[in-house]
Amino acid sequence: MESLAREFALAGGQKVSLRPVTPEDEEFLLRVYASTREDELARVPWSEAEKEAFVRQQSGAQRREYDAHYPGAEYDLILLDGRPAGRVWVGRDDVEIHLLDIALLPEAQNQGVGTAILRALIEESRASGRRLRHMVFVLNTDAVRFYERLGFVAFEEVGPYLHMEWRSAPQGGGPTDRSC
């Protein structure tokens, strides 16, 4: 099976690269996961230790779920100018490319990093003839709009998730969004 491109150049001259996750990345990956749950955790009356335990439990459960449903998935660290900035998980089969998860630390967002990675996945989808799919939390309207600008369309809502699929390039010459 193919693999996601390993390096991307951003318009501002920054370099995005990917490398496989190693056990040494675990604490960083927990930090990334925690950043995706910050708003939620800010509203609960838990101690910092309880919040950390919750993040560890949920992060582990997410990884086990992906391992069970997408054996052989790629788990990559996203590096921005050589510094860890986020993660991207991708599963593939003969019919589909599954963007399981992409998450960037807040300081790495809105620089075109996510867009560059999504463009590479879109190109892989186009070249291989496989569908590109992703699930988005239905209340994450910013993410839904981001994917829509890149040509994704919703095809099903299951529980709190909107299932989206890339089908064609957006009107006006292709994806140019830099919001992720």
N, C-alpha and C. Protein backbone atom coordinates (compact mmCIF):
# COMPACT_ATOMS: atom_id res chain seq x y z
N MET A 1 0.84 -1.19 0.00
CA MET A 1 0.00 0.00 0.00
C MET A 1 0.88 1.25 0.00
N GLU A 2 0.33 2.31 -0.51
CA GLU A 2 1.06 3.56 -0.56
C GLU A 2 1.24 4.12 0.85
N SER A 3 2.03 5.15 0.93
CA SER A 3 2.27 5.84 2.18
C SER A 3 2.14 7.33 1.90
N LEU A 4 1.70 8.05 2.89
CA LEU A 4 1.57 9.49 2.77
C LEU A 4 2.95 10.10 2.50
N ALA A 5 2.99 11.13 1.66
CA ALA A 5 4.25 11.83 1.39
C ALA A 5 4.90 12.21 2.72
N ARG A 6 6.19 12.25 2.76
CA ARG A 6 6.93 12.48 4.00
C ARG A 6 7.30 13.94 4.23
N GLU A 7 7.31 14.76 3.18
CA GLU A 7 7.71 16.17 3.34
C GLU A 7 6.83 17.06 2.49
N PHE A 8 6.56 18.26 3.05
CA PHE A 8 5.73 19.26 2.38
C PHE A 8 6.35 20.62 2.63
N ALA A 9 6.34 21.48 1.62
CA ALA A 9 6.81 22.85 1.78
C ALA A 9 5.58 23.75 1.88
N LEU A 10 5.57 24.65 2.84
CA LEU A 10 4.47 25.59 2.99
C LEU A 10 4.82 26.89 2.27
N ALA A 11 3.81 27.67 1.96
CA ALA A 11 3.99 28.92 1.21
C ALA A 11 4.97 29.86 1.91
N GLY A 12 4.98 29.88 3.23
CA GLY A 12 5.85 30.78 3.98
C GLY A 12 7.27 30.27 4.13
N GLY A 13 7.61 29.16 3.47
CA GLY A 13 8.96 28.63 3.54
C GLY A 13 9.15 27.59 4.63
N GLN A 14 8.16 27.38 5.47
CA GLN A 14 8.29 26.37 6.50
C GLN A 14 8.24 24.98 5.89
N LYS A 15 8.84 24.03 6.60
CA LYS A 15 8.88 22.65 6.12
C LYS A 15 8.08 21.77 7.07
N VAL A 16 7.17 21.00 6.50
CA VAL A 16 6.41 20.02 7.26
C VAL A 16 6.94 18.65 6.87
N SER A 17 7.23 17.83 7.85
CA SER A 17 7.65 16.46 7.56
C SER A 17 6.93 15.51 8.50
N LEU A 18 6.89 14.26 8.09
CA LEU A 18 6.25 13.21 8.87
C LEU A 18 7.27 12.14 9.18
N ARG A 19 7.13 11.55 10.35
CA ARG A 19 7.94 10.38 10.67
C ARG A 19 7.10 9.44 11.52
N PRO A 20 7.36 8.15 11.42
CA PRO A 20 6.59 7.20 12.22
C PRO A 20 6.72 7.49 13.71
N VAL A 21 5.63 7.30 14.42
CA VAL A 21 5.61 7.47 15.86
C VAL A 21 6.47 6.38 16.50
N THR A 22 7.19 6.75 17.55
CA THR A 22 7.98 5.79 18.33
C THR A 22 7.50 5.84 19.78
N PRO A 23 7.85 4.85 20.60
CA PRO A 23 7.44 4.88 22.01
C PRO A 23 7.91 6.14 22.74
N GLU A 24 9.01 6.71 22.30
CA GLU A 24 9.52 7.93 22.94
C GLU A 24 8.61 9.13 22.71
N ASP A 25 7.68 9.04 21.78
CA ASP A 25 6.77 10.15 21.47
C ASP A 25 5.53 10.16 22.34
N GLU A 26 5.37 9.18 23.22
CA GLU A 26 4.12 9.01 23.95
C GLU A 26 3.69 10.26 24.72
N GLU A 27 4.59 10.90 25.44
CA GLU A 27 4.21 12.09 26.22
C GLU A 27 3.78 13.23 25.30
N PHE A 28 4.48 13.40 24.19
CA PHE A 28 4.07 14.43 23.24
C PHE A 28 2.70 14.12 22.67
N LEU A 29 2.46 12.87 22.31
CA LEU A 29 1.16 12.49 21.76
C LEU A 29 0.03 12.72 22.76
N LEU A 30 0.31 12.49 24.03
CA LEU A 30 -0.69 12.79 25.06
C LEU A 30 -0.96 14.29 25.13
N ARG A 31 0.08 15.08 24.97
CA ARG A 31 -0.10 16.54 24.97
C ARG A 31 -0.97 16.98 23.79
N VAL A 32 -0.73 16.38 22.62
CA VAL A 32 -1.55 16.70 21.45
C VAL A 32 -2.99 16.29 21.70
N TYR A 33 -3.19 15.07 22.20
CA TYR A 33 -4.56 14.61 22.46
C TYR A 33 -5.23 15.53 23.48
N ALA A 34 -4.53 15.87 24.54
CA ALA A 34 -5.10 16.76 25.57
C ALA A 34 -5.51 18.10 24.96
N SER A 35 -4.74 18.59 24.00
CA SER A 35 -5.07 19.88 23.39
C SER A 35 -6.38 19.81 22.62
N THR A 36 -6.75 18.62 22.15
CA THR A 36 -8.02 18.47 21.42
C THR A 36 -9.20 18.40 22.37
N ARG A 37 -8.94 18.23 23.65
CA ARG A 37 -10.01 18.10 24.64
C ARG A 37 -10.00 19.27 25.64
N GLU A 38 -9.18 20.30 25.39
CA GLU A 38 -9.04 21.41 26.34
C GLU A 38 -10.36 22.06 26.71
N ASP A 39 -11.18 22.40 25.73
CA ASP A 39 -12.45 23.08 26.01
C ASP A 39 -13.33 22.22 26.90
N GLU A 40 -13.40 20.96 26.58
CA GLU A 40 -14.21 20.02 27.36
C GLU A 40 -13.69 19.89 28.79
N LEU A 41 -12.38 19.74 28.93
CA LEU A 41 -11.80 19.55 30.26
C LEU A 41 -11.86 20.81 31.11
N ALA A 42 -11.92 21.97 30.48
CA ALA A 42 -12.02 23.22 31.23
C ALA A 42 -13.34 23.32 31.98
N ARG A 43 -14.35 22.59 31.54
CA ARG A 43 -15.69 22.68 32.14
C ARG A 43 -15.95 21.66 33.24
N VAL A 44 -15.04 20.74 33.46
CA VAL A 44 -15.28 19.72 34.49
C VAL A 44 -14.52 20.07 35.76
N PRO A 45 -15.10 19.74 36.92
CA PRO A 45 -14.48 20.12 38.20
C PRO A 45 -13.46 19.09 38.68
N TRP A 46 -12.65 18.58 37.78
CA TRP A 46 -11.68 17.56 38.14
C TRP A 46 -10.34 18.20 38.49
N SER A 47 -9.57 17.46 39.29
CA SER A 47 -8.20 17.89 39.59
C SER A 47 -7.34 17.67 38.34
N GLU A 48 -6.16 18.26 38.33
CA GLU A 48 -5.25 18.06 37.20
C GLU A 48 -4.89 16.59 37.05
N ALA A 49 -4.72 15.88 38.17
CA ALA A 49 -4.40 14.45 38.11
C ALA A 49 -5.55 13.67 37.48
N GLU A 50 -6.78 14.02 37.81
CA GLU A 50 -7.94 13.34 37.22
C GLU A 50 -8.04 13.62 35.72
N LYS A 51 -7.76 14.86 35.35
CA LYS A 51 -7.78 15.21 33.92
C LYS A 51 -6.70 14.45 33.16
N GLU A 52 -5.52 14.36 33.75
CA GLU A 52 -4.43 13.62 33.10
C GLU A 52 -4.79 12.14 32.96
N ALA A 53 -5.37 11.56 33.98
CA ALA A 53 -5.78 10.15 33.91
C ALA A 53 -6.83 9.95 32.82
N PHE A 54 -7.77 10.88 32.72
CA PHE A 54 -8.81 10.81 31.69
C PHE A 54 -8.18 10.87 30.30
N VAL A 55 -7.25 11.80 30.10
CA VAL A 55 -6.59 11.95 28.80
C VAL A 55 -5.83 10.67 28.45
N ARG A 56 -5.11 10.11 29.40
CA ARG A 56 -4.37 8.86 29.14
C ARG A 56 -5.33 7.72 28.77
N GLN A 57 -6.43 7.61 29.51
CA GLN A 57 -7.39 6.54 29.25
C GLN A 57 -8.03 6.71 27.87
N GLN A 58 -8.48 7.91 27.56
CA GLN A 58 -9.16 8.16 26.29
C GLN A 58 -8.21 8.03 25.10
N SER A 59 -7.00 8.52 25.25
CA SER A 59 -6.01 8.41 24.17
C SER A 59 -5.70 6.94 23.89
N GLY A 60 -5.51 6.17 24.94
CA GLY A 60 -5.25 4.73 24.77
C GLY A 60 -6.42 4.01 24.13
N ALA A 61 -7.64 4.35 24.55
CA ALA A 61 -8.84 3.73 23.98
C ALA A 61 -8.96 4.05 22.49
N GLN A 62 -8.65 5.30 22.14
CA GLN A 62 -8.71 5.70 20.73
C GLN A 62 -7.73 4.88 19.91
N ARG A 63 -6.52 4.75 20.39
CA ARG A 63 -5.49 4.00 19.65
C ARG A 63 -5.88 2.53 19.52
N ARG A 64 -6.40 1.94 20.60
CA ARG A 64 -6.83 0.53 20.53
C ARG A 64 -7.96 0.35 19.52
N GLU A 65 -8.87 1.31 19.46
CA GLU A 65 -9.98 1.25 18.51
C GLU A 65 -9.45 1.30 17.07
N TYR A 66 -8.52 2.20 16.80
CA TYR A 66 -7.94 2.29 15.46
C TYR A 66 -7.17 1.02 15.11
N ASP A 67 -6.39 0.51 16.06
CA ASP A 67 -5.64 -0.73 15.81
C ASP A 67 -6.57 -1.89 15.47
N ALA A 68 -7.70 -1.97 16.16
CA ALA A 68 -8.65 -3.06 15.95
C ALA A 68 -9.33 -2.97 14.59
N HIS A 69 -9.68 -1.76 14.17
CA HIS A 69 -10.45 -1.60 12.94
C HIS A 69 -9.59 -1.31 11.70
N TYR A 70 -8.37 -0.85 11.91
CA TYR A 70 -7.50 -0.50 10.79
C TYR A 70 -6.10 -1.08 11.01
N PRO A 71 -5.98 -2.41 10.97
CA PRO A 71 -4.65 -3.00 11.16
C PRO A 71 -3.70 -2.48 10.08
N GLY A 72 -2.50 -2.18 10.48
CA GLY A 72 -1.53 -1.66 9.53
C GLY A 72 -1.62 -0.17 9.29
N ALA A 73 -2.46 0.53 10.06
CA ALA A 73 -2.58 1.98 9.90
C ALA A 73 -1.22 2.65 10.15
N GLU A 74 -1.02 3.78 9.49
CA GLU A 74 0.20 4.58 9.70
C GLU A 74 -0.07 5.58 10.81
N TYR A 75 0.82 5.61 11.78
CA TYR A 75 0.75 6.57 12.88
C TYR A 75 1.99 7.45 12.76
N ASP A 76 1.79 8.69 12.34
CA ASP A 76 2.93 9.58 12.09
C ASP A 76 2.89 10.81 12.97
N LEU A 77 4.08 11.26 13.34
CA LEU A 77 4.26 12.53 14.02
C LEU A 77 4.41 13.60 12.94
N ILE A 78 3.76 14.73 13.13
CA ILE A 78 3.89 15.87 12.22
C ILE A 78 4.97 16.79 12.80
N LEU A 79 5.97 17.09 12.00
CA LEU A 79 7.04 18.00 12.41
C LEU A 79 6.94 19.28 11.59
N LEU A 80 7.03 20.40 12.26
CA LEU A 80 7.04 21.71 11.60
C LEU A 80 8.41 22.30 11.82
N ASP A 81 9.16 22.46 10.74
CA ASP A 81 10.55 22.90 10.81
C ASP A 81 11.34 22.07 11.82
N GLY A 82 11.09 20.76 11.79
CA GLY A 82 11.83 19.82 12.62
C GLY A 82 11.32 19.64 14.04
N ARG A 83 10.35 20.44 14.45
CA ARG A 83 9.82 20.36 15.82
C ARG A 83 8.46 19.65 15.82
N PRO A 84 8.23 18.76 16.78
CA PRO A 84 6.92 18.09 16.84
C PRO A 84 5.79 19.11 16.94
N ALA A 85 4.78 18.92 16.08
CA ALA A 85 3.67 19.87 16.01
C ALA A 85 2.30 19.19 16.06
N GLY A 86 2.27 17.87 15.83
CA GLY A 86 0.98 17.19 15.83
C GLY A 86 1.12 15.75 15.41
N ARG A 87 -0.02 15.16 15.04
CA ARG A 87 -0.04 13.76 14.65
C ARG A 87 -1.04 13.56 13.52
N VAL A 88 -0.81 12.52 12.72
CA VAL A 88 -1.77 12.13 11.68
C VAL A 88 -1.78 10.60 11.63
N TRP A 89 -3.00 10.06 11.68
CA TRP A 89 -3.20 8.61 11.62
C TRP A 89 -3.98 8.32 10.34
N VAL A 90 -3.49 7.39 9.53
CA VAL A 90 -4.14 7.06 8.25
C VAL A 90 -4.23 5.54 8.10
N GLY A 91 -5.43 5.07 7.78
CA GLY A 91 -5.65 3.66 7.47
C GLY A 91 -6.01 3.52 6.00
N ARG A 92 -5.62 2.42 5.42
CA ARG A 92 -5.89 2.20 4.00
C ARG A 92 -6.38 0.77 3.77
N ASP A 93 -7.26 0.64 2.79
CA ASP A 93 -7.61 -0.68 2.28
C ASP A 93 -7.71 -0.56 0.77
N ASP A 94 -8.21 -1.58 0.11
CA ASP A 94 -8.25 -1.56 -1.36
C ASP A 94 -9.24 -0.54 -1.92
N VAL A 95 -10.21 -0.11 -1.12
CA VAL A 95 -11.28 0.75 -1.60
C VAL A 95 -11.18 2.17 -1.05
N GLU A 96 -10.68 2.31 0.18
CA GLU A 96 -10.71 3.61 0.85
C GLU A 96 -9.39 3.96 1.51
N ILE A 97 -9.20 5.27 1.63
CA ILE A 97 -8.17 5.85 2.48
C ILE A 97 -8.93 6.49 3.63
N HIS A 98 -8.60 6.11 4.84
CA HIS A 98 -9.30 6.62 6.01
C HIS A 98 -8.39 7.58 6.77
N LEU A 99 -8.73 8.85 6.78
CA LEU A 99 -8.03 9.79 7.64
C LEU A 99 -8.63 9.57 9.03
N LEU A 100 -7.94 8.78 9.83
CA LEU A 100 -8.46 8.41 11.14
C LEU A 100 -8.42 9.60 12.09
N ASP A 101 -7.32 10.34 12.05
CA ASP A 101 -7.19 11.47 12.95
C ASP A 101 -6.06 12.37 12.47
N ILE A 102 -6.27 13.65 12.62
CA ILE A 102 -5.21 14.62 12.42
C ILE A 102 -5.40 15.66 13.51
N ALA A 103 -4.34 15.96 14.22
CA ALA A 103 -4.42 16.94 15.31
C ALA A 103 -3.11 17.70 15.38
N LEU A 104 -3.24 19.00 15.51
CA LEU A 104 -2.08 19.89 15.63
C LEU A 104 -2.16 20.64 16.95
N LEU A 105 -1.01 20.88 17.56
CA LEU A 105 -1.00 21.75 18.73
C LEU A 105 -1.52 23.12 18.32
N PRO A 106 -2.15 23.84 19.23
CA PRO A 106 -2.71 25.15 18.87
C PRO A 106 -1.71 26.08 18.19
N GLU A 107 -0.46 26.07 18.64
CA GLU A 107 0.53 26.98 18.06
C GLU A 107 0.94 26.59 16.64
N ALA A 108 0.59 25.40 16.19
CA ALA A 108 0.91 24.96 14.83
C ALA A 108 -0.28 25.08 13.89
N GLN A 109 -1.41 25.51 14.41
CA GLN A 109 -2.61 25.62 13.59
C GLN A 109 -2.61 26.92 12.80
N ASN A 110 -3.44 26.96 11.77
CA ASN A 110 -3.63 28.15 10.92
C ASN A 110 -2.37 28.58 10.18
N GLN A 111 -1.53 27.60 9.85
CA GLN A 111 -0.31 27.88 9.09
C GLN A 111 -0.25 27.09 7.79
N GLY A 112 -1.31 26.33 7.50
CA GLY A 112 -1.34 25.54 6.28
C GLY A 112 -0.84 24.12 6.42
N VAL A 113 -0.49 23.71 7.64
CA VAL A 113 0.04 22.37 7.86
C VAL A 113 -1.01 21.31 7.53
N GLY A 114 -2.19 21.45 8.13
CA GLY A 114 -3.27 20.49 7.87
C GLY A 114 -3.67 20.47 6.41
N THR A 115 -3.73 21.64 5.80
CA THR A 115 -4.09 21.72 4.39
C THR A 115 -3.08 20.97 3.53
N ALA A 116 -1.79 21.12 3.82
CA ALA A 116 -0.76 20.43 3.04
C ALA A 116 -0.91 18.92 3.16
N ILE A 117 -1.17 18.45 4.35
CA ILE A 117 -1.33 17.01 4.55
C ILE A 117 -2.59 16.51 3.85
N LEU A 118 -3.68 17.26 3.98
CA LEU A 118 -4.92 16.86 3.31
C LEU A 118 -4.76 16.87 1.79
N ARG A 119 -4.05 17.85 1.26
CA ARG A 119 -3.82 17.88 -0.19
C ARG A 119 -3.09 16.62 -0.65
N ALA A 120 -2.10 16.18 0.14
CA ALA A 120 -1.37 14.96 -0.22
C ALA A 120 -2.30 13.75 -0.20
N LEU A 121 -3.19 13.68 0.79
CA LEU A 121 -4.14 12.58 0.85
C LEU A 121 -5.14 12.65 -0.31
N ILE A 122 -5.56 13.85 -0.65
CA ILE A 122 -6.47 14.03 -1.79
C ILE A 122 -5.79 13.56 -3.08
N GLU A 123 -4.54 13.92 -3.26
CA GLU A 123 -3.81 13.49 -4.45
C GLU A 123 -3.66 11.97 -4.48
N GLU A 124 -3.38 11.37 -3.32
CA GLU A 124 -3.30 9.91 -3.25
C GLU A 124 -4.64 9.28 -3.62
N SER A 125 -5.72 9.87 -3.12
CA SER A 125 -7.07 9.38 -3.43
C SER A 125 -7.34 9.47 -4.92
N ARG A 126 -7.02 10.61 -5.48
CA ARG A 126 -7.24 10.83 -6.92
C ARG A 126 -6.42 9.83 -7.75
N ALA A 127 -5.15 9.67 -7.41
CA ALA A 127 -4.26 8.81 -8.19
C ALA A 127 -4.61 7.32 -8.05
N SER A 128 -5.08 6.93 -6.88
CA SER A 128 -5.36 5.51 -6.63
C SER A 128 -6.80 5.11 -6.95
N GLY A 129 -7.67 6.11 -7.12
CA GLY A 129 -9.07 5.82 -7.36
C GLY A 129 -9.83 5.39 -6.12
N ARG A 130 -9.22 5.53 -4.95
CA ARG A 130 -9.89 5.16 -3.69
C ARG A 130 -10.57 6.37 -3.08
N ARG A 131 -11.67 6.12 -2.38
CA ARG A 131 -12.35 7.19 -1.64
C ARG A 131 -11.47 7.64 -0.48
N LEU A 132 -11.57 8.91 -0.13
CA LEU A 132 -10.90 9.46 1.05
C LEU A 132 -11.99 9.84 2.03
N ARG A 133 -11.96 9.22 3.19
CA ARG A 133 -13.02 9.45 4.18
C ARG A 133 -12.44 9.88 5.52
N HIS A 134 -13.29 10.61 6.26
CA HIS A 134 -12.93 11.10 7.58
C HIS A 134 -14.20 11.30 8.38
N MET A 135 -14.11 11.16 9.70
CA MET A 135 -15.23 11.45 10.59
C MET A 135 -14.90 12.72 11.37
N VAL A 136 -15.90 13.59 11.52
CA VAL A 136 -15.72 14.85 12.23
C VAL A 136 -16.82 14.95 13.29
N PHE A 137 -16.44 15.41 14.47
CA PHE A 137 -17.43 15.65 15.52
C PHE A 137 -18.40 16.69 14.99
N VAL A 138 -19.68 16.37 14.99
CA VAL A 138 -20.69 17.20 14.33
C VAL A 138 -20.74 18.63 14.87
N LEU A 139 -20.41 18.82 16.14
CA LEU A 139 -20.44 20.17 16.71
C LEU A 139 -19.17 20.97 16.44
N ASN A 140 -18.17 20.35 15.84
CA ASN A 140 -16.93 21.04 15.50
C ASN A 140 -17.11 21.71 14.13
N THR A 141 -17.88 22.79 14.14
CA THR A 141 -18.25 23.45 12.89
C THR A 141 -17.04 24.01 12.14
N ASP A 142 -16.01 24.44 12.86
CA ASP A 142 -14.81 24.93 12.18
C ASP A 142 -14.17 23.81 11.35
N ALA A 143 -14.08 22.61 11.94
CA ALA A 143 -13.50 21.48 11.21
C ALA A 143 -14.38 21.08 10.03
N VAL A 144 -15.69 21.07 10.24
CA VAL A 144 -16.60 20.71 9.14
C VAL A 144 -16.39 21.68 7.97
N ARG A 145 -16.32 22.98 8.26
CA ARG A 145 -16.11 23.97 7.19
C ARG A 145 -14.75 23.78 6.52
N PHE A 146 -13.73 23.48 7.31
CA PHE A 146 -12.39 23.23 6.76
C PHE A 146 -12.44 22.10 5.74
N TYR A 147 -13.02 20.98 6.11
CA TYR A 147 -13.10 19.85 5.19
C TYR A 147 -13.96 20.15 3.98
N GLU A 148 -15.05 20.87 4.18
CA GLU A 148 -15.89 21.25 3.04
C GLU A 148 -15.13 22.12 2.05
N ARG A 149 -14.31 23.05 2.55
CA ARG A 149 -13.52 23.91 1.65
C ARG A 149 -12.52 23.10 0.83
N LEU A 150 -12.11 21.95 1.36
CA LEU A 150 -11.18 21.09 0.63
C LEU A 150 -11.89 20.08 -0.27
N GLY A 151 -13.21 20.18 -0.35
CA GLY A 151 -13.96 19.33 -1.27
C GLY A 151 -14.65 18.14 -0.63
N PHE A 152 -14.59 18.01 0.69
CA PHE A 152 -15.28 16.91 1.36
C PHE A 152 -16.77 17.21 1.44
N VAL A 153 -17.58 16.16 1.35
CA VAL A 153 -19.02 16.29 1.52
C VAL A 153 -19.47 15.29 2.57
N ALA A 154 -20.47 15.69 3.35
CA ALA A 154 -21.04 14.80 4.35
C ALA A 154 -21.92 13.78 3.65
N PHE A 155 -21.83 12.52 4.08
CA PHE A 155 -22.70 11.50 3.50
C PHE A 155 -23.49 10.74 4.55
N GLU A 156 -23.16 10.93 5.84
CA GLU A 156 -23.90 10.22 6.88
C GLU A 156 -23.57 10.84 8.23
N GLU A 157 -24.56 10.87 9.11
CA GLU A 157 -24.35 11.30 10.48
C GLU A 157 -24.64 10.11 11.38
N VAL A 158 -23.65 9.71 12.17
CA VAL A 158 -23.78 8.57 13.06
C VAL A 158 -23.42 9.03 14.46
N GLY A 159 -24.42 9.07 15.34
CA GLY A 159 -24.18 9.57 16.69
C GLY A 159 -23.66 10.99 16.61
N PRO A 160 -22.57 11.26 17.33
CA PRO A 160 -22.04 12.63 17.32
C PRO A 160 -21.07 12.92 16.17
N TYR A 161 -20.99 12.01 15.20
CA TYR A 161 -20.00 12.17 14.13
C TYR A 161 -20.64 12.32 12.76
N LEU A 162 -20.04 13.20 11.99
CA LEU A 162 -20.41 13.41 10.61
C LEU A 162 -19.38 12.68 9.75
N HIS A 163 -19.83 11.73 8.95
CA HIS A 163 -18.94 11.01 8.05
C HIS A 163 -18.83 11.83 6.78
N MET A 164 -17.59 12.12 6.38
CA MET A 164 -17.34 12.96 5.22
C MET A 164 -16.45 12.20 4.23
N GLU A 165 -16.59 12.58 2.96
CA GLU A 165 -15.83 11.93 1.90
C GLU A 165 -15.37 12.98 0.90
N TRP A 166 -14.12 12.84 0.46
CA TRP A 166 -13.63 13.71 -0.61
C TRP A 166 -14.07 13.10 -1.93
N ARG A 167 -14.72 13.93 -2.74
CA ARG A 167 -15.23 13.44 -4.02
C ARG A 167 -14.66 14.21 -5.21
N SER A 168 -14.39 15.49 -5.03
CA SER A 168 -13.82 16.27 -6.12
C SER A 168 -13.25 17.56 -5.55
N ALA A 169 -12.39 18.21 -6.35
CA ALA A 169 -11.80 19.47 -5.90
C ALA A 169 -12.87 20.54 -5.79
N PRO A 170 -12.75 21.46 -4.81
CA PRO A 170 -13.72 22.54 -4.70
C PRO A 170 -13.65 23.47 -5.90
N GLN A 171 -14.71 24.22 -6.12
CA GLN A 171 -14.76 25.17 -7.23
C GLN A 171 -13.71 26.26 -7.03
N GLY A 172 -13.26 26.83 -8.13
CA GLY A 172 -12.34 27.96 -8.04
C GLY A 172 -10.88 27.59 -8.07
N GLY A 173 -10.52 26.41 -8.54
CA GLY A 173 -9.11 26.12 -8.75
C GLY A 173 -8.44 25.27 -7.71
N GLY A 174 -9.16 24.76 -6.72
CA GLY A 174 -8.54 23.83 -5.80
C GLY A 174 -8.40 24.39 -4.41
N PRO A 175 -7.99 23.55 -3.49
CA PRO A 175 -7.91 23.95 -2.09
C PRO A 175 -6.82 24.97 -1.84
N THR A 176 -7.19 26.04 -1.16
CA THR A 176 -6.22 27.06 -0.80
C THR A 176 -6.32 27.44 0.66
N ASP A 177 -7.21 26.81 1.41
CA ASP A 177 -7.45 27.18 2.80
C ASP A 177 -6.21 26.96 3.66
N ARG A 178 -5.98 27.85 4.60
CA ARG A 178 -4.85 27.73 5.51
C ARG A 178 -5.33 27.66 6.95
N SER A 179 -6.59 27.30 7.20
CA SER A 179 -7.12 27.37 8.55
C SER A 179 -6.68 26.24 9.45
N CYS A 180 -6.07 25.20 8.94
CA CYS A 180 -5.66 24.09 9.80
C CYS A 180 -4.15 23.97 9.79
